[in-house]
């Protein structure tokens, strides 16, 4: 979902802590907050995915949000935020390790900075704080494309 500055004033978000920064995801994209469970690791070709978890009978890829968002990986997470991610016409689940508290916030989305990354769709203000609104689809797609171009593989 791409939230723009023309969005309704009463849009709900889940605000989460990733590394030292706070980000907001549209609440209608969030499936659940899951407790830490066993992370299954396996050999793969990208640093983007750190492994998978099994949640409610689904295999859910876990994305390294810390490194994706310009920080560093954190092995200490409090829980996983599981969100919907659109891949073509399909909807898949994706998990992001969260190392701080999450809260529900309602606010109007301000326009993103014109020179900001494409995966930030704006910012919200709540309780005197601000959080960048994250487009998880755009973030993961950008990182996957960068990994494929660095490995010489054709993009799919």
Protein backbone atom coordinates (compact mmCIF):
# COMPACT_ATOMS: atom_id res chain seq x y z
CA UNK A 1 0.00 0.00 0.00
CA UNK A 2 1.38 3.36 -0.93
CA UNK A 3 0.21 6.06 1.45
CA UNK A 4 0.32 9.59 0.10
CA UNK A 5 -0.14 13.06 1.57
CA UNK A 6 -3.75 13.03 0.37
CA UNK A 7 -4.61 10.10 2.65
CA UNK A 8 -7.41 10.50 5.14
CA UNK A 9 -6.53 12.21 8.41
CA UNK A 10 -7.56 9.16 10.45
CA UNK A 11 -5.15 6.59 9.02
CA UNK A 12 -3.94 4.05 11.60
CA UNK A 13 -0.35 2.85 11.80
CA UNK A 14 1.71 0.42 13.81
CA UNK A 15 4.82 2.25 14.97
CA UNK A 16 7.82 -0.01 15.54
CA UNK A 17 11.40 0.28 16.66
CA UNK A 18 14.05 -1.08 14.30
CA UNK A 19 17.55 -0.40 15.54
CA UNK A 20 17.61 3.16 16.80
CA UNK A 21 14.85 4.45 14.48
CA UNK A 22 11.08 4.37 14.58
CA UNK A 23 9.01 3.52 11.54
CA UNK A 24 5.30 3.30 10.87
CA UNK A 25 3.51 0.68 8.78
CA UNK A 26 -0.11 1.11 7.73
CA UNK A 27 -2.11 -0.92 10.26
CA UNK A 28 -4.12 -2.66 7.54
CA UNK A 29 -0.87 -4.24 6.27
CA UNK A 30 0.03 -5.72 9.66
CA UNK A 31 -1.12 -9.30 10.19
CA UNK A 32 0.11 -9.85 13.74
CA UNK A 33 2.85 -9.37 16.28
CA UNK A 34 4.32 -12.77 17.05
CA UNK A 35 6.55 -13.77 19.94
CA UNK A 36 10.11 -14.80 19.15
CA UNK A 37 10.06 -18.32 17.78
CA UNK A 38 12.74 -20.54 16.32
CA UNK A 39 14.39 -18.97 13.28
CA UNK A 40 15.17 -21.63 10.70
CA UNK A 41 18.31 -20.77 8.77
CA UNK A 42 19.33 -22.32 5.48
CA UNK A 43 21.81 -21.60 2.70
CA UNK A 44 20.54 -18.93 0.33
CA UNK A 45 21.84 -16.31 -2.07
CA UNK A 46 20.84 -13.07 -0.37
CA UNK A 47 21.69 -11.37 2.89
CA UNK A 48 18.22 -9.82 2.80
CA UNK A 49 16.55 -12.92 4.24
CA UNK A 50 17.98 -14.17 7.53
CA UNK A 51 15.80 -17.26 7.64
CA UNK A 52 12.19 -18.30 8.00
CA UNK A 53 9.74 -18.83 10.82
CA UNK A 54 6.72 -21.08 10.83
CA UNK A 55 3.63 -19.20 11.91
CA UNK A 56 0.07 -20.54 11.81
CA UNK A 57 1.04 -23.22 9.30
CA UNK A 58 2.81 -20.78 6.96
CA UNK A 59 6.48 -20.46 6.18
CA UNK A 60 7.25 -16.76 6.56
CA UNK A 61 10.54 -15.22 5.38
CA UNK A 62 12.28 -13.02 7.95
CA UNK A 63 13.85 -9.90 6.47
CA UNK A 64 16.87 -8.26 8.08
CA UNK A 65 15.17 -4.92 8.69
CA UNK A 66 18.14 -3.43 10.53
CA UNK A 67 20.46 -3.68 7.55
CA UNK A 68 17.66 -2.85 5.10
CA UNK A 69 16.96 0.43 6.83
CA UNK A 70 20.56 1.57 6.90
CA UNK A 71 21.41 0.35 10.37
CA UNK A 72 22.88 -2.90 11.41
CA UNK A 73 21.47 -6.30 12.20
CA UNK A 74 20.27 -7.00 15.68
CA UNK A 75 20.13 -10.50 17.09
CA UNK A 76 18.07 -9.29 20.07
CA UNK A 77 14.47 -8.96 19.03
CA UNK A 78 11.42 -8.82 21.24
CA UNK A 79 9.04 -10.21 18.62
CA UNK A 80 8.29 -10.43 14.90
CA UNK A 81 5.98 -8.05 13.12
CA UNK A 82 4.28 -10.01 10.37
CA UNK A 83 2.97 -7.91 7.50
CA UNK A 84 1.39 -8.46 4.10
CA UNK A 85 3.66 -7.97 1.13
CA UNK A 86 2.46 -7.86 -2.46
CA UNK A 87 4.47 -9.80 -5.03
CA UNK A 88 2.86 -9.25 -8.40
CA UNK A 89 -0.78 -10.16 -7.87
CA UNK A 90 -0.05 -12.44 -4.93
CA UNK A 91 -0.07 -11.44 -1.28
CA UNK A 92 2.61 -13.03 0.89
CA UNK A 93 3.54 -12.62 4.52
CA UNK A 94 6.87 -11.16 5.61
CA UNK A 95 8.35 -10.98 9.10
CA UNK A 96 10.49 -8.17 10.47
CA UNK A 97 12.34 -8.58 13.78
CA UNK A 98 11.43 -5.74 16.14
CA UNK A 99 13.71 -4.83 19.02
CA UNK A 100 11.54 -2.32 20.85
CA UNK A 101 7.96 -1.58 21.70
CA UNK A 102 5.20 -1.24 19.10
CA UNK A 103 2.24 1.04 19.44
CA UNK A 104 -0.83 1.94 17.47
CA UNK A 105 -0.92 5.53 16.26
CA UNK A 106 -3.40 7.53 14.24
CA UNK A 107 -2.32 10.50 12.25
CA UNK A 108 -2.20 12.40 9.04
CA UNK A 109 0.62 11.53 6.68
CA UNK A 110 2.94 14.39 5.76
CA UNK A 111 4.60 14.29 2.34
CA UNK A 112 7.99 12.56 2.18
CA UNK A 113 11.08 14.66 1.55
CA UNK A 114 11.59 15.08 -2.22
CA UNK A 115 15.11 13.63 -2.03
CA UNK A 116 14.17 10.77 0.33
CA UNK A 117 14.33 7.07 -0.53
CA UNK A 118 11.47 5.59 -2.55
CA UNK A 119 10.53 3.24 0.29
CA UNK A 120 9.52 6.11 2.57
CA UNK A 121 6.05 7.35 1.69
CA UNK A 122 5.79 10.11 4.28
CA UNK A 123 5.94 10.71 8.01
CA UNK A 124 3.44 10.83 10.82
CA UNK A 125 3.50 12.80 14.04
CA UNK A 126 2.09 11.39 17.25
CA UNK A 127 2.63 12.16 20.93
CA UNK A 128 5.21 14.80 20.00
CA UNK A 129 7.31 12.25 18.09
CA UNK A 130 7.70 11.50 14.40
CA UNK A 131 8.03 8.24 12.50
CA UNK A 132 8.75 7.65 8.83
CA UNK A 133 6.03 5.70 7.00
CA UNK A 134 7.57 2.62 5.46
CA UNK A 135 6.51 0.90 2.22
CA UNK A 136 7.73 -2.64 2.92
CA UNK A 137 7.09 -3.77 -0.68
CA UNK A 138 9.26 -0.99 -2.13
CA UNK A 139 12.01 -1.56 0.45
CA UNK A 140 12.29 -5.30 -0.15
CA UNK A 141 11.97 -4.95 -3.94
CA UNK A 142 14.75 -2.33 -4.03
CA UNK A 143 17.08 -4.49 -1.93
CA UNK A 144 16.35 -7.64 -3.95
CA UNK A 145 17.06 -5.78 -7.21
CA UNK A 146 20.34 -4.43 -5.78
CA UNK A 147 21.40 -7.92 -4.63
CA UNK A 148 20.61 -9.39 -8.06
CA UNK A 149 22.53 -6.71 -9.92
CA UNK A 150 25.55 -7.17 -7.62
CA UNK A 151 25.50 -10.95 -8.17
CA UNK A 152 25.07 -10.67 -11.94
CA UNK A 153 21.80 -12.62 -11.87
CA UNK A 154 18.97 -11.45 -14.12
CA UNK A 155 16.15 -9.70 -12.25
CA UNK A 156 12.86 -11.60 -12.25
